[in-house]
């Protein structure tokens, strides 16, 4: 299972506000029910097979273009652990356990 964090930044928009773009990205993510996602104030985290995660990021990357952006910058970080099962929840629990 892969966990990926990505940030999409539309460039060449009419305004400095990006919340309408973020809302549209969220609507696209909701269409992909076979992956788990968590939006944060600075990006989005996905969990699923590597192929699906990359396909979903590709689909979401296109959204700002369809909404008028002239340029889109997407940054991606991927944690693809194959020695044992991993998830967003498991990673957070591991840290929480160590804080006790």
Protein backbone atom coordinates (compact mmCIF):
# COMPACT_ATOMS: atom_id res chain seq x y z
CA UNK A 1 0.00 0.00 0.00
CA UNK A 2 1.34 3.41 -0.93
CA UNK A 3 0.81 6.62 0.96
CA UNK A 4 1.33 9.81 -1.01
CA UNK A 5 1.15 13.45 -0.09
CA UNK A 6 0.60 15.93 -2.88
CA UNK A 7 0.06 19.64 -3.30
CA UNK A 8 -1.46 21.20 -6.39
CA UNK A 9 -0.88 24.88 -7.05
CA UNK A 10 -2.80 26.56 -9.88
CA UNK A 11 -0.77 29.37 -11.44
CA UNK A 12 -2.06 32.11 -13.72
CA UNK A 13 -5.43 32.49 -12.02
CA UNK A 14 -7.47 35.67 -11.79
CA UNK A 15 -7.21 35.80 -7.99
CA UNK A 16 -4.82 34.88 -5.20
CA UNK A 17 -7.60 32.94 -3.42
CA UNK A 18 -7.43 29.20 -4.12
CA UNK A 19 -10.30 27.86 -2.00
CA UNK A 20 -12.62 27.39 -5.00
CA UNK A 21 -9.89 25.35 -6.73
CA UNK A 22 -9.39 23.29 -3.56
CA UNK A 23 -13.14 22.63 -3.34
CA UNK A 24 -13.14 21.38 -6.94
CA UNK A 25 -10.13 19.14 -6.19
CA UNK A 26 -12.06 17.68 -3.25
CA UNK A 27 -15.06 16.96 -5.50
CA UNK A 28 -12.77 15.06 -7.88
CA UNK A 29 -11.23 13.07 -5.02
CA UNK A 30 -14.68 12.02 -3.81
CA UNK A 31 -15.28 10.32 -7.18
CA UNK A 32 -12.44 7.87 -6.49
CA UNK A 33 -14.03 5.65 -3.85
CA UNK A 34 -11.32 2.97 -4.02
CA UNK A 35 -8.73 5.18 -2.32
CA UNK A 36 -8.60 6.85 1.08
CA UNK A 37 -7.76 10.53 1.24
CA UNK A 38 -7.26 13.18 3.86
CA UNK A 39 -7.08 16.84 2.99
CA UNK A 40 -4.87 19.07 5.13
CA UNK A 41 -4.42 22.86 5.11
CA UNK A 42 -1.32 22.45 2.93
CA UNK A 43 -2.03 19.41 0.75
CA UNK A 44 -3.72 16.04 0.48
CA UNK A 45 -2.71 12.56 1.58
CA UNK A 46 -3.82 9.49 -0.38
CA UNK A 47 -3.66 5.83 0.53
CA UNK A 48 -4.04 2.95 -1.93
CA UNK A 49 -2.17 0.91 -4.48
CA UNK A 50 0.64 2.85 -6.12
CA UNK A 51 -0.99 2.63 -9.54
CA UNK A 52 -4.30 3.99 -8.23
CA UNK A 53 -2.67 6.72 -6.18
CA UNK A 54 -0.74 7.97 -9.21
CA UNK A 55 -3.84 7.76 -11.42
CA UNK A 56 -5.89 9.77 -8.93
CA UNK A 57 -3.18 12.42 -8.60
CA UNK A 58 -3.13 12.66 -12.41
CA UNK A 59 -6.91 13.13 -12.50
CA UNK A 60 -6.82 15.77 -9.76
CA UNK A 61 -3.89 17.55 -11.45
CA UNK A 62 -6.15 18.21 -14.47
CA UNK A 63 -8.94 19.88 -12.46
CA UNK A 64 -7.42 23.40 -12.24
CA UNK A 65 -6.87 23.40 -16.01
CA UNK A 66 -10.57 22.70 -16.58
CA UNK A 67 -11.33 25.62 -14.26
CA UNK A 68 -9.24 28.18 -16.10
CA UNK A 69 -5.74 27.89 -14.65
CA UNK A 70 -3.07 28.47 -17.26
CA UNK A 71 -0.39 26.52 -15.39
CA UNK A 72 -0.42 23.92 -12.60
CA UNK A 73 2.44 22.88 -10.33
CA UNK A 74 2.04 19.55 -8.52
CA UNK A 75 4.47 18.27 -5.88
CA UNK A 76 4.30 14.62 -4.79
CA UNK A 77 5.90 12.65 -1.93
CA UNK A 78 5.38 8.86 -1.93
CA UNK A 79 5.95 6.33 0.86
CA UNK A 80 5.66 2.90 -0.80
CA UNK A 81 6.42 0.39 1.93
CA UNK A 82 6.41 -3.24 0.80
CA UNK A 83 7.91 -5.11 3.75
CA UNK A 84 4.69 -4.90 5.82
CA UNK A 85 1.23 -3.33 5.58
CA UNK A 86 1.16 0.42 6.13
CA UNK A 87 -1.59 2.98 6.35
CA UNK A 88 -2.04 6.59 7.39
CA UNK A 89 -3.67 5.43 10.62
CA UNK A 90 -0.92 2.89 11.35
CA UNK A 91 1.80 5.50 10.85
CA UNK A 92 0.10 7.92 13.24
CA UNK A 93 -0.55 5.16 15.81
CA UNK A 94 3.12 4.17 15.74
CA UNK A 95 4.14 7.70 16.76
CA UNK A 96 1.36 7.97 19.36
CA UNK A 97 2.49 4.69 20.94
CA UNK A 98 6.01 6.02 21.26
CA UNK A 99 4.79 9.21 22.95
CA UNK A 100 3.28 7.24 25.85
